Amino acid sequence: MHYKQSFSSRLFDAANYGFMILLVIVMVYPLMNVIAISLSSPDHIDLGDVGWFPKGFNTVGYEVILEKPNLYISYKNTIVYATAGTLLTLLMTSLMAYPLTIATFRLKKFITVFLAVTMFFGGGMIPTYMLMRSLHLLDTFWVMVVPGCIGAFNVFIYRSFFQNIPAELRESALMDGANDFTILFRIYLPLSKALLATFALFSIVGFWNEWFNALLYLKDESKYPLQMFLRSLIIEDSGASSQDIQKMVIGREVNPKNIQMAAIIVTLAPILCMYPFVQKYFVKGALVGSIKG
């Protein structure tokens, strides 16, 4: 049976399509412009006429960036921080959320209220810095992965997802002699692949883009993440960073913006390549909290 849409419905669809196309253009153009500038000749960059596509194809910016040893050190640090931080985040959040799904857990209400309070009130930057110092975490690997491994919002989303798993599975496992750790790791987590994949990506992106904690807590440049390397090229327009860029430019047919935009693409590429492989989990994983609270 063919369903005929009303005029108002067709008008809404047309407006919706138009809005989505406009939104895509607004989001895609900055990325395309960065790529175009990174591959354009210095003359066209100076004229400011680079738009969607490169003009005067030039890859020297990428060659300069790939010659920097700090790039590879920062890449290694970021991969380590993102991998360890994501695994720790998924583990600790699961361990925190699982007891909150058990009706007989005595501290359930207290922990829930405590977590809810932390969503509205925080200690602030200076107390947090003093805490990191008192724990002897400053300028260490752990200061980049531990502070953000548990978030109240994430715990509530995990709890909602776990509550959708039939309670009979846990009861059957308990009758068979399984403990709660076995139930969590053998039953709940294998059934939560969509949840884990979604929040793993969010966590990886968060750690990949992290720079403020590094700015506050790290002094050793050999421990800097990738975004600190990018920050030294993009944000700081004076001092040592600008001198470094000038040294890169000398004797090469390249504009400083070639180097800056190439650095952005080099740091962004891994995340862009990762999204297509996990996007199938987004719809289910991102909407778990709306099913059962």
C-alpha atoms as a PDB file:
ATOM      1  CA  MET A   1       0.000   0.000   0.000  1.00  0.00           C
ATOM      2  CA  HIS A   2       1.477   3.300  -1.069  1.00  0.00           C
ATOM      3  CA  TYR A   3       1.371   5.989   1.580  1.00  0.00           C
ATOM      4  CA  LYS A   4       1.003   9.550   0.281  1.00  0.00           C
ATOM      5  CA  GLN A   5       2.659  12.222   2.392  1.00  0.00           C
ATOM      6  CA  SER A   6       0.818  15.416   3.166  1.00  0.00           C
ATOM      7  CA  PHE A   7       2.114  18.775   1.988  1.00  0.00           C
ATOM      8  CA  SER A   8       3.214  19.770   5.519  1.00  0.00           C
ATOM      9  CA  SER A   9       5.103  16.480   5.882  1.00  0.00           C
ATOM     10  CA  ARG A  10       6.912  16.974   2.571  1.00  0.00           C
ATOM     11  CA  LEU A  11       7.701  20.557   3.506  1.00  0.00           C
ATOM     12  CA  PHE A  12       9.152  19.410   6.822  1.00  0.00           C
ATOM     13  CA  ASP A  13      11.291  16.763   5.091  1.00  0.00           C
ATOM     14  CA  ALA A  14      12.596  19.299   2.600  1.00  0.00           C
ATOM     15  CA  ALA A  15      13.455  21.777   5.372  1.00  0.00           C
ATOM     16  CA  ASN A  16      15.079  18.988   7.375  1.00  0.00           C
ATOM     17  CA  TYR A  17      17.217  17.873   4.421  1.00  0.00           C
ATOM     18  CA  GLY A  18      18.211  21.469   3.715  1.00  0.00           C
ATOM     19  CA  PHE A  19      19.201  22.045   7.325  1.00  0.00           C
ATOM     20  CA  MET A  20      21.237  18.830   7.469  1.00  0.00           C
ATOM     21  CA  ILE A  21      23.063  19.688   4.221  1.00  0.00           C
ATOM     22  CA  LEU A  22      23.865  23.146   5.586  1.00  0.00           C
ATOM     23  CA  LEU A  23      25.073  21.587   8.839  1.00  0.00           C
ATOM     24  CA  VAL A  24      27.337  19.177   6.953  1.00  0.00           C
ATOM     25  CA  ILE A  25      28.825  22.038   4.942  1.00  0.00           C
ATOM     26  CA  VAL A  26      29.467  24.069   8.096  1.00  0.00           C
ATOM     27  CA  MET A  27      31.235  21.115   9.717  1.00  0.00           C
ATOM     28  CA  VAL A  28      33.132  19.800   6.705  1.00  0.00           C
ATOM     29  CA  TYR A  29      34.430  23.091   5.313  1.00  0.00           C
ATOM     30  CA  PRO A  30      36.878  23.866   8.176  1.00  0.00           C
ATOM     31  CA  LEU A  31      38.423  20.394   7.835  1.00  0.00           C
ATOM     32  CA  MET A  32      38.661  20.674   4.058  1.00  0.00           C
ATOM     33  CA  ASN A  33      40.170  24.140   4.390  1.00  0.00           C
ATOM     34  CA  VAL A  34      42.835  22.886   6.811  1.00  0.00           C
ATOM     35  CA  ILE A  35      43.719  20.047   4.418  1.00  0.00           C
ATOM     36  CA  ALA A  36      43.796  22.472   1.472  1.00  0.00           C
ATOM     37  CA  ILE A  37      46.095  24.933   3.253  1.00  0.00           C
ATOM     38  CA  SER A  38      48.446  22.146   4.335  1.00  0.00           C
ATOM     39  CA  LEU A  39      48.858  21.136   0.670  1.00  0.00           C
ATOM     40  CA  SER A  40      48.890  24.575  -0.977  1.00  0.00           C
ATOM     41  CA  SER A  41      51.825  26.637  -2.200  1.00  0.00           C
ATOM     42  CA  PRO A  42      53.071  29.536  -0.013  1.00  0.00           C
ATOM     43  CA  ASP A  43      52.066  32.131  -2.635  1.00  0.00           C
ATOM     44  CA  HIS A  44      48.388  31.116  -2.590  1.00  0.00           C
ATOM     45  CA  ILE A  45      48.383  30.949   1.211  1.00  0.00           C
ATOM     46  CA  ASP A  46      49.781  34.483   1.412  1.00  0.00           C
ATOM     47  CA  LEU A  47      47.051  35.679  -0.976  1.00  0.00           C
ATOM     48  CA  GLY A  48      44.382  34.018   1.186  1.00  0.00           C
ATOM     49  CA  ASP A  49      42.581  32.426  -1.768  1.00  0.00           C
ATOM     50  CA  VAL A  50      42.699  28.807  -0.573  1.00  0.00           C
ATOM     51  CA  GLY A  51      39.212  27.409  -0.042  1.00  0.00           C
ATOM     52  CA  TRP A  52      37.938  23.871  -0.422  1.00  0.00           C
ATOM     53  CA  PHE A  53      40.823  22.508  -2.483  1.00  0.00           C
ATOM     54  CA  PRO A  54      44.620  22.992  -2.542  1.00  0.00           C
ATOM     55  CA  LYS A  55      46.186  25.479  -4.927  1.00  0.00           C
ATOM     56  CA  GLY A  56      49.729  24.887  -6.099  1.00  0.00           C
ATOM     57  CA  PHE A  57      50.171  21.378  -4.680  1.00  0.00           C
ATOM     58  CA  ASN A  58      52.869  21.334  -1.990  1.00  0.00           C
ATOM     59  CA  THR A  59      53.745  18.593   0.558  1.00  0.00           C
ATOM     60  CA  VAL A  60      56.743  20.255   2.189  1.00  0.00           C
ATOM     61  CA  GLY A  61      54.702  21.031   5.311  1.00  0.00           C
ATOM     62  CA  TYR A  62      54.195  17.316   5.940  1.00  0.00           C
ATOM     63  CA  GLU A  63      57.848  16.599   5.202  1.00  0.00           C
ATOM     64  CA  VAL A  64      58.910  19.173   7.801  1.00  0.00           C
ATOM     65  CA  ILE A  65      56.527  17.831  10.445  1.00  0.00           C
ATOM     66  CA  LEU A  66      57.546  14.212   9.888  1.00  0.00           C
ATOM     67  CA  GLU A  67      61.191  15.179  10.379  1.00  0.00           C
ATOM     68  CA  LYS A  68      60.514  16.421  13.918  1.00  0.00           C
ATOM     69  CA  PRO A  69      61.607  13.816  16.525  1.00  0.00           C
ATOM     70  CA  ASN A  70      59.254  15.370  19.106  1.00  0.00           C
ATOM     71  CA  LEU A  71      56.317  14.300  16.949  1.00  0.00           C
ATOM     72  CA  TYR A  72      57.079  10.615  17.383  1.00  0.00           C
ATOM     73  CA  ILE A  73      57.762  10.955  21.108  1.00  0.00           C
ATOM     74  CA  SER A  74      54.454  12.766  21.563  1.00  0.00           C
ATOM     75  CA  TYR A  75      52.654  10.195  19.413  1.00  0.00           C
ATOM     76  CA  LYS A  76      54.002   7.369  21.549  1.00  0.00           C
ATOM     77  CA  ASN A  77      53.015   9.137  24.765  1.00  0.00           C
ATOM     78  CA  THR A  78      49.494   9.854  23.528  1.00  0.00           C
ATOM     79  CA  ILE A  79      48.951   6.273  22.358  1.00  0.00           C
ATOM     80  CA  VAL A  80      50.088   4.989  25.755  1.00  0.00           C
ATOM     81  CA  TYR A  81      47.916   7.495  27.646  1.00  0.00           C
ATOM     82  CA  ALA A  82      44.865   6.813  25.471  1.00  0.00           C
ATOM     83  CA  THR A  83      45.216   3.024  25.606  1.00  0.00           C
ATOM     84  CA  ALA A  84      45.910   2.737  29.324  1.00  0.00           C
ATOM     85  CA  GLY A  85      43.440   5.470  30.224  1.00  0.00           C
ATOM     86  CA  THR A  86      40.630   3.941  28.173  1.00  0.00           C
ATOM     87  CA  LEU A  87      41.156   0.450  29.585  1.00  0.00           C
ATOM     88  CA  LEU A  88      41.301   1.827  33.114  1.00  0.00           C
ATOM     89  CA  THR A  89      38.205   3.967  32.518  1.00  0.00           C
ATOM     90  CA  LEU A  90      36.134   1.054  31.205  1.00  0.00           C
ATOM     91  CA  LEU A  91      37.298  -1.204  34.067  1.00  0.00           C
ATOM     92  CA  MET A  92      36.795   1.247  36.929  1.00  0.00           C
ATOM     93  CA  THR A  93      33.461   2.554  35.637  1.00  0.00           C
ATOM     94  CA  SER A  94      32.140  -1.006  35.243  1.00  0.00           C
ATOM     95  CA  LEU A  95      33.273  -1.908  38.755  1.00  0.00           C
ATOM     96  CA  MET A  96      31.563   1.194  40.119  1.00  0.00           C
ATOM     97  CA  ALA A  97      28.307   0.752  38.184  1.00  0.00           C
ATOM     98  CA  TYR A  98      27.742  -2.977  38.711  1.00  0.00           C
ATOM     99  CA  PRO A  99      27.010  -2.841  42.494  1.00  0.00           C
ATOM    100  CA  LEU A 100      24.472  -0.066  41.895  1.00  0.00           C
ATOM    101  CA  THR A 101      22.318  -2.538  39.938  1.00  0.00           C
ATOM    102  CA  ILE A 102      22.037  -4.908  42.914  1.00  0.00           C
ATOM    103  CA  ALA A 103      18.925  -4.203  44.988  1.00  0.00           C
ATOM    104  CA  THR A 104      20.404  -5.672  48.176  1.00  0.00           C
ATOM    105  CA  PHE A 105      23.564  -3.539  48.070  1.00  0.00           C
ATOM    106  CA  ARG A 106      23.380  -1.453  51.276  1.00  0.00           C
ATOM    107  CA  LEU A 107      25.473   1.495  50.092  1.00  0.00           C
ATOM    108  CA  LYS A 108      23.575   1.844  46.828  1.00  0.00           C
ATOM    109  CA  LYS A 109      21.638   4.977  47.817  1.00  0.00           C
ATOM    110  CA  PHE A 110      24.616   6.684  49.477  1.00  0.00           C
ATOM    111  CA  ILE A 111      26.933   6.122  46.493  1.00  0.00           C
ATOM    112  CA  THR A 112      24.243   7.246  44.041  1.00  0.00           C
ATOM    113  CA  VAL A 113      23.703  10.514  45.936  1.00  0.00           C
ATOM    114  CA  PHE A 114      27.460  11.011  46.316  1.00  0.00           C
ATOM    115  CA  LEU A 115      28.005  10.585  42.570  1.00  0.00           C
ATOM    116  CA  ALA A 116      25.080  12.881  41.755  1.00  0.00           C
ATOM    117  CA  VAL A 117      26.589  15.635  43.919  1.00  0.00           C
ATOM    118  CA  THR A 118      29.896  15.412  42.033  1.00  0.00           C
ATOM    119  CA  MET A 119      28.039  16.148  38.794  1.00  0.00           C
ATOM    120  CA  PHE A 120      27.130  19.622  40.096  1.00  0.00           C
ATOM    121  CA  PHE A 121      30.029  20.525  42.388  1.00  0.00           C
ATOM    122  CA  GLY A 122      33.774  20.154  41.793  1.00  0.00           C
ATOM    123  CA  GLY A 123      36.826  20.898  43.886  1.00  0.00           C
ATOM    124  CA  GLY A 124      38.321  23.342  41.405  1.00  0.00           C
ATOM    125  CA  MET A 125      41.668  23.543  39.659  1.00  0.00           C
ATOM    126  CA  ILE A 126      43.861  24.611  42.594  1.00  0.00           C
ATOM    127  CA  PRO A 127      42.569  21.994  45.084  1.00  0.00           C
ATOM    128  CA  THR A 128      42.896  19.347  42.377  1.00  0.00           C
ATOM    129  CA  TYR A 129      46.496  20.399  41.743  1.00  0.00           C
ATOM    130  CA  MET A 130      47.247  20.261  45.473  1.00  0.00           C
ATOM    131  CA  LEU A 131      45.708  16.783  45.618  1.00  0.00           C
ATOM    132  CA  MET A 132      47.847  15.566  42.712  1.00  0.00           C
ATOM    133  CA  ARG A 133      50.918  16.989  44.447  1.00  0.00           C
ATOM    134  CA  SER A 134      50.093  15.377  47.791  1.00  0.00           C
ATOM    135  CA  LEU A 135      49.641  12.037  46.042  1.00  0.00           C
ATOM    136  CA  HIS A 136      53.047  12.484  44.346  1.00  0.00           C
ATOM    137  CA  LEU A 137      51.481  12.179  40.900  1.00  0.00           C
ATOM    138  CA  LEU A 138      52.916  15.361  39.399  1.00  0.00           C
ATOM    139  CA  ASP A 139      55.083  14.792  36.330  1.00  0.00           C
ATOM    140  CA  THR A 140      54.212  11.067  36.241  1.00  0.00           C
ATOM    141  CA  PHE A 141      52.443   8.778  33.827  1.00  0.00           C
ATOM    142  CA  TRP A 142      49.538   8.240  36.240  1.00  0.00           C
ATOM    143  CA  VAL A 143      48.566  11.902  36.467  1.00  0.00           C
ATOM    144  CA  MET A 144      47.447  11.690  32.834  1.00  0.00           C
ATOM    145  CA  VAL A 145      45.214   8.623  33.210  1.00  0.00           C
ATOM    146  CA  VAL A 146      43.960   8.347  36.797  1.00  0.00           C
ATOM    147  CA  PRO A 147      42.102  11.640  37.545  1.00  0.00           C
ATOM    148  CA  GLY A 148      39.446  11.168  34.877  1.00  0.00           C
ATOM    149  CA  CYS A 149      39.008   7.398  34.925  1.00  0.00           C
ATOM    150  CA  ILE A 150      35.596   7.551  36.667  1.00  0.00           C
ATOM    151  CA  GLY A 151      32.861  10.039  35.825  1.00  0.00           C
ATOM    152  CA  ALA A 152      29.487  10.168  37.555  1.00  0.00           C
ATOM    153  CA  PHE A 153      27.561  10.561  34.298  1.00  0.00           C
ATOM    154  CA  ASN A 154      29.290   7.535  32.792  1.00  0.00           C
ATOM    155  CA  VAL A 155      28.562   5.461  35.885  1.00  0.00           C
ATOM    156  CA  PHE A 156      24.848   6.209  35.614  1.00  0.00           C
ATOM    157  CA  ILE A 157      24.821   5.281  31.921  1.00  0.00           C
ATOM    158  CA  TYR A 158      26.593   2.004  32.679  1.00  0.00           C
ATOM    159  CA  ARG A 159      24.142   1.300  35.488  1.00  0.00           C
ATOM    160  CA  SER A 160      21.185   1.898  33.188  1.00  0.00           C
ATOM    161  CA  PHE A 161      22.620  -0.477  30.611  1.00  0.00           C
ATOM    162  CA  PHE A 162      23.357  -3.176  33.204  1.00  0.00           C
ATOM    163  CA  GLN A 163      19.813  -2.865  34.559  1.00  0.00           C
ATOM    164  CA  ASN A 164      18.484  -3.858  31.122  1.00  0.00           C
ATOM    165  CA  ILE A 165      20.238  -7.225  31.437  1.00  0.00           C
ATOM    166  CA  PRO A 166      17.757  -9.747  32.879  1.00  0.00           C
ATOM    167  CA  ALA A 167      18.288 -10.205  36.612  1.00  0.00           C
ATOM    168  CA  GLU A 168      17.618 -13.931  36.147  1.00  0.00           C
ATOM    169  CA  LEU A 169      21.043 -14.304  34.561  1.00  0.00           C
ATOM    170  CA  ARG A 170      22.732 -13.079  37.727  1.00  0.00           C
ATOM    171  CA  GLU A 171      20.529 -15.201  39.951  1.00  0.00           C
ATOM    172  CA  SER A 172      21.266 -18.317  37.884  1.00  0.00           C
ATOM    173  CA  ALA A 173      24.981 -17.628  38.002  1.00  0.00           C
ATOM    174  CA  LEU A 174      24.872 -17.171  41.772  1.00  0.00           C
ATOM    175  CA  MET A 175      23.077 -20.492  42.126  1.00  0.00           C
ATOM    176  CA  ASP A 176      25.829 -22.108  40.055  1.00  0.00           C
ATOM    177  CA  GLY A 177      28.454 -20.789  42.461  1.00  0.00           C
ATOM    178  CA  ALA A 178      29.710 -17.750  40.529  1.00  0.00           C
ATOM    179  CA  ASN A 179      30.792 -14.657  42.437  1.00  0.00           C
ATOM    180  CA  ASP A 180      30.077 -11.078  41.436  1.00  0.00           C
ATOM    181  CA  PHE A 181      33.419 -10.621  39.674  1.00  0.00           C
ATOM    182  CA  THR A 182      32.720 -13.656  37.523  1.00  0.00           C
ATOM    183  CA  ILE A 183      29.204 -12.414  36.766  1.00  0.00           C
ATOM    184  CA  LEU A 184      30.501  -8.974  35.755  1.00  0.00           C
ATOM    185  CA  PHE A 185      33.340 -10.174  33.545  1.00  0.00           C
ATOM    186  CA  ARG A 186      31.732 -13.322  32.121  1.00  0.00           C
ATOM    187  CA  ILE A 187      28.111 -12.193  31.691  1.00  0.00           C
ATOM    188  CA  TYR A 188      27.539  -8.436  31.969  1.00  0.00           C
ATOM    189  CA  LEU A 189      30.525  -7.084  30.032  1.00  0.00           C
ATOM    190  CA  PRO A 190      30.238  -9.545  27.106  1.00  0.00           C
ATOM    191  CA  LEU A 191      26.594  -8.450  26.772  1.00  0.00           C
ATOM    192  CA  SER A 192      27.616  -4.783  26.838  1.00  0.00           C
ATOM    193  CA  LYS A 193      29.747  -4.575  23.697  1.00  0.00           C
ATOM    194  CA  ALA A 194      27.790  -1.629  22.294  1.00  0.00           C
ATOM    195  CA  LEU A 195      28.190   0.283  25.551  1.00  0.00           C
ATOM    196  CA  LEU A 196      31.907  -0.484  25.845  1.00  0.00           C
ATOM    197  CA  ALA A 197      32.635   0.335  22.202  1.00  0.00           C
ATOM    198  CA  THR A 198      30.825   3.674  22.407  1.00  0.00           C
ATOM    199  CA  PHE A 199      32.467   4.827  25.602  1.00  0.00           C
ATOM    200  CA  ALA A 200      35.833   3.438  24.552  1.00  0.00           C
ATOM    201  CA  LEU A 201      35.757   5.744  21.539  1.00  0.00           C
ATOM    202  CA  PHE A 202      34.629   8.706  23.623  1.00  0.00           C
ATOM    203  CA  SER A 203      37.427   7.971  26.085  1.00  0.00           C
ATOM    204  CA  ILE A 204      40.069   7.588  23.375  1.00  0.00           C
ATOM    205  CA  VAL A 205      39.021  10.878  21.782  1.00  0.00           C
ATOM    206  CA  GLY A 206      39.132  12.566  25.187  1.00  0.00           C
ATOM    207  CA  PHE A 207      42.628  11.309  25.966  1.00  0.00           C
ATOM    208  CA  TRP A 208      43.783  12.036  22.420  1.00  0.00           C
ATOM    209  CA  ASN A 209      42.668  15.667  22.682  1.00  0.00           C
ATOM    210  CA  GLU A 210      43.950  16.139  26.237  1.00  0.00           C
ATOM    211  CA  TRP A 211      46.428  18.954  26.755  1.00  0.00           C
ATOM    212  CA  PHE A 212      45.303  20.970  29.774  1.00  0.00           C
ATOM    213  CA  ASN A 213      46.257  18.327  32.342  1.00  0.00           C
ATOM    214  CA  ALA A 214      49.635  17.997  30.655  1.00  0.00           C
ATOM    215  CA  LEU A 215      50.081  21.773  30.830  1.00  0.00           C
ATOM    216  CA  LEU A 216      49.289  21.768  34.550  1.00  0.00           C
ATOM    217  CA  TYR A 217      50.894  18.576  35.784  1.00  0.00           C
ATOM    218  CA  LEU A 218      53.808  17.732  33.467  1.00  0.00           C
ATOM    219  CA  LYS A 219      57.190  19.458  33.404  1.00  0.00           C
ATOM    220  CA  ASP A 220      59.223  16.873  31.515  1.00  0.00           C
ATOM    221  CA  GLU A 221      58.755  17.526  27.780  1.00  0.00           C
ATOM    222  CA  SER A 222      59.574  13.903  27.016  1.00  0.00           C
ATOM    223  CA  LYS A 223      56.221  13.020  28.638  1.00  0.00           C
ATOM    224  CA  TYR A 224      54.173  15.555  26.692  1.00  0.00           C
ATOM    225  CA  PRO A 225      51.186  14.200  24.704  1.00  0.00           C
ATOM    226  CA  LEU A 226      50.591  14.942  21.050  1.00  0.00           C
ATOM    227  CA  GLN A 227      48.356  17.946  21.676  1.00  0.00           C
ATOM    228  CA  MET A 228      51.158  19.732  23.518  1.00  0.00           C
ATOM    229  CA  PHE A 229      53.337  19.313  20.443  1.00  0.00           C
ATOM    230  CA  LEU A 230      50.508  20.723  18.330  1.00  0.00           C
ATOM    231  CA  ARG A 231      49.930  23.538  20.798  1.00  0.00           C
ATOM    232  CA  SER A 232      53.543  24.648  20.526  1.00  0.00           C
ATOM    233  CA  LEU A 233      53.066  25.087  16.766  1.00  0.00           C
ATOM    234  CA  ILE A 234      49.548  26.527  16.651  1.00  0.00           C
ATOM    235  CA  ILE A 235      48.761  28.559  19.756  1.00  0.00           C
ATOM    236  CA  GLU A 236      52.039  30.108  20.838  1.00  0.00           C
ATOM    237  CA  ASP A 237      52.829  32.831  18.325  1.00  0.00           C
ATOM    238  CA  SER A 238      55.865  34.208  20.133  1.00  0.00           C
ATOM    239  CA  GLY A 239      58.972  32.974  21.869  1.00  0.00           C
ATOM    240  CA  ALA A 240      60.643  29.632  21.248  1.00  0.00           C
ATOM    241  CA  SER A 241      57.777  28.125  19.261  1.00  0.00           C
ATOM    242  CA  SER A 242      57.799  30.829  16.579  1.00  0.00           C
ATOM    243  CA  GLN A 243      61.588  30.554  16.376  1.00  0.00           C
ATOM    244  CA  ASP A 244      61.246  26.805  15.869  1.00  0.00           C
ATOM    245  CA  ILE A 245      58.821  27.373  13.006  1.00  0.00           C
ATOM    246  CA  GLN A 246      61.153  29.925  11.421  1.00  0.00           C
ATOM    247  CA  LYS A 247      63.991  27.407  11.577  1.00  0.00           C
ATOM    248  CA  MET A 248      61.770  24.877   9.798  1.00  0.00           C
ATOM    249  CA  VAL A 249      60.912  27.370   7.068  1.00  0.00           C
ATOM    250  CA  ILE A 250      64.460  28.480   6.260  1.00  0.00           C
ATOM    251  CA  GLY A 251      65.673  27.010   2.956  1.00  0.00           C
ATOM    252  CA  ARG A 252      62.300  25.449   2.086  1.00  0.00           C
ATOM    253  CA  GLU A 253      59.442  26.455  -0.198  1.00  0.00           C
ATOM    254  CA  VAL A 254      56.938  26.457   2.626  1.00  0.00           C
ATOM    255  CA  ASN A 255      54.706  28.824   4.572  1.00  0.00           C
ATOM    256  CA  PRO A 256      54.424  28.548   8.407  1.00  0.00           C
ATOM    257  CA  LYS A 257      50.714  27.805   7.918  1.00  0.00           C
ATOM    258  CA  ASN A 258      51.693  24.798   5.794  1.00  0.00           C
ATOM    259  CA  ILE A 259      53.472  23.371   8.815  1.00  0.00           C
ATOM    260  CA  GLN A 260      50.726  24.274  11.278  1.00  0.00           C
ATOM    261  CA  MET A 261      47.901  22.830   9.189  1.00  0.00           C
ATOM    262  CA  ALA A 262      49.953  19.719   8.375  1.00  0.00           C
ATOM    263  CA  ALA A 263      50.502  19.207  12.106  1.00  0.00           C
ATOM    264  CA  ILE A 264      46.737  19.397  12.695  1.00  0.00           C
ATOM    265  CA  ILE A 265      46.039  16.750  10.043  1.00  0.00           C
ATOM    266  CA  VAL A 266      48.813  14.456  11.312  1.00  0.00           C
ATOM    267  CA  THR A 267      47.402  14.572  14.851  1.00  0.00           C
ATOM    268  CA  LEU A 268      43.776  14.243  13.699  1.00  0.00           C
ATOM    269  CA  ALA A 269      44.172  11.408  11.170  1.00  0.00           C
ATOM    270  CA  PRO A 270      44.119   8.403  13.580  1.00  0.00           C
ATOM    271  CA  ILE A 271      40.828   9.491  15.152  1.00  0.00           C
ATOM    272  CA  LEU A 272      39.220  10.085  11.751  1.00  0.00           C
ATOM    273  CA  CYS A 273      40.269   6.608  10.649  1.00  0.00           C
ATOM    274  CA  MET A 274      38.856   5.029  13.799  1.00  0.00           C
ATOM    275  CA  TYR A 275      35.310   6.404  13.643  1.00  0.00           C
ATOM    276  CA  PRO A 276      34.005   4.324  10.694  1.00  0.00           C
ATOM    277  CA  PHE A 277      34.806   1.060  12.469  1.00  0.00           C
ATOM    278  CA  VAL A 278      32.810   1.805  15.618  1.00  0.00           C
ATOM    279  CA  GLN A 279      29.969   4.012  14.368  1.00  0.00           C
ATOM    280  CA  LYS A 280      27.617   1.011  14.151  1.00  0.00           C
ATOM    281  CA  TYR A 281      27.581   0.913  17.964  1.00  0.00           C
ATOM    282  CA  PHE A 282      26.673   4.583  18.390  1.00  0.00           C
ATOM    283  CA  VAL A 283      22.877   4.420  18.115  1.00  0.00           C
ATOM    284  CA  LYS A 284      22.495   1.587  20.605  1.00  0.00           C
ATOM    285  CA  GLY A 285      25.306   2.661  22.877  1.00  0.00           C
ATOM    286  CA  ALA A 286      24.424   6.352  23.030  1.00  0.00           C
ATOM    287  CA  LEU A 287      20.727   5.755  23.790  1.00  0.00           C
ATOM    288  CA  VAL A 288      21.093   3.196  26.598  1.00  0.00           C
ATOM    289  CA  GLY A 289      20.255   5.762  29.250  1.00  0.00           C
ATOM    290  CA  SER A 290      16.874   6.545  27.717  1.00  0.00           C
ATOM    291  CA  ILE A 291      15.575   2.974  28.076  1.00  0.00           C
ATOM    292  CA  LYS A 292      15.675   2.466  31.794  1.00  0.00           C
ATOM    293  CA  GLY A 293      16.867   4.853  34.501  1.00  0.00           C
END
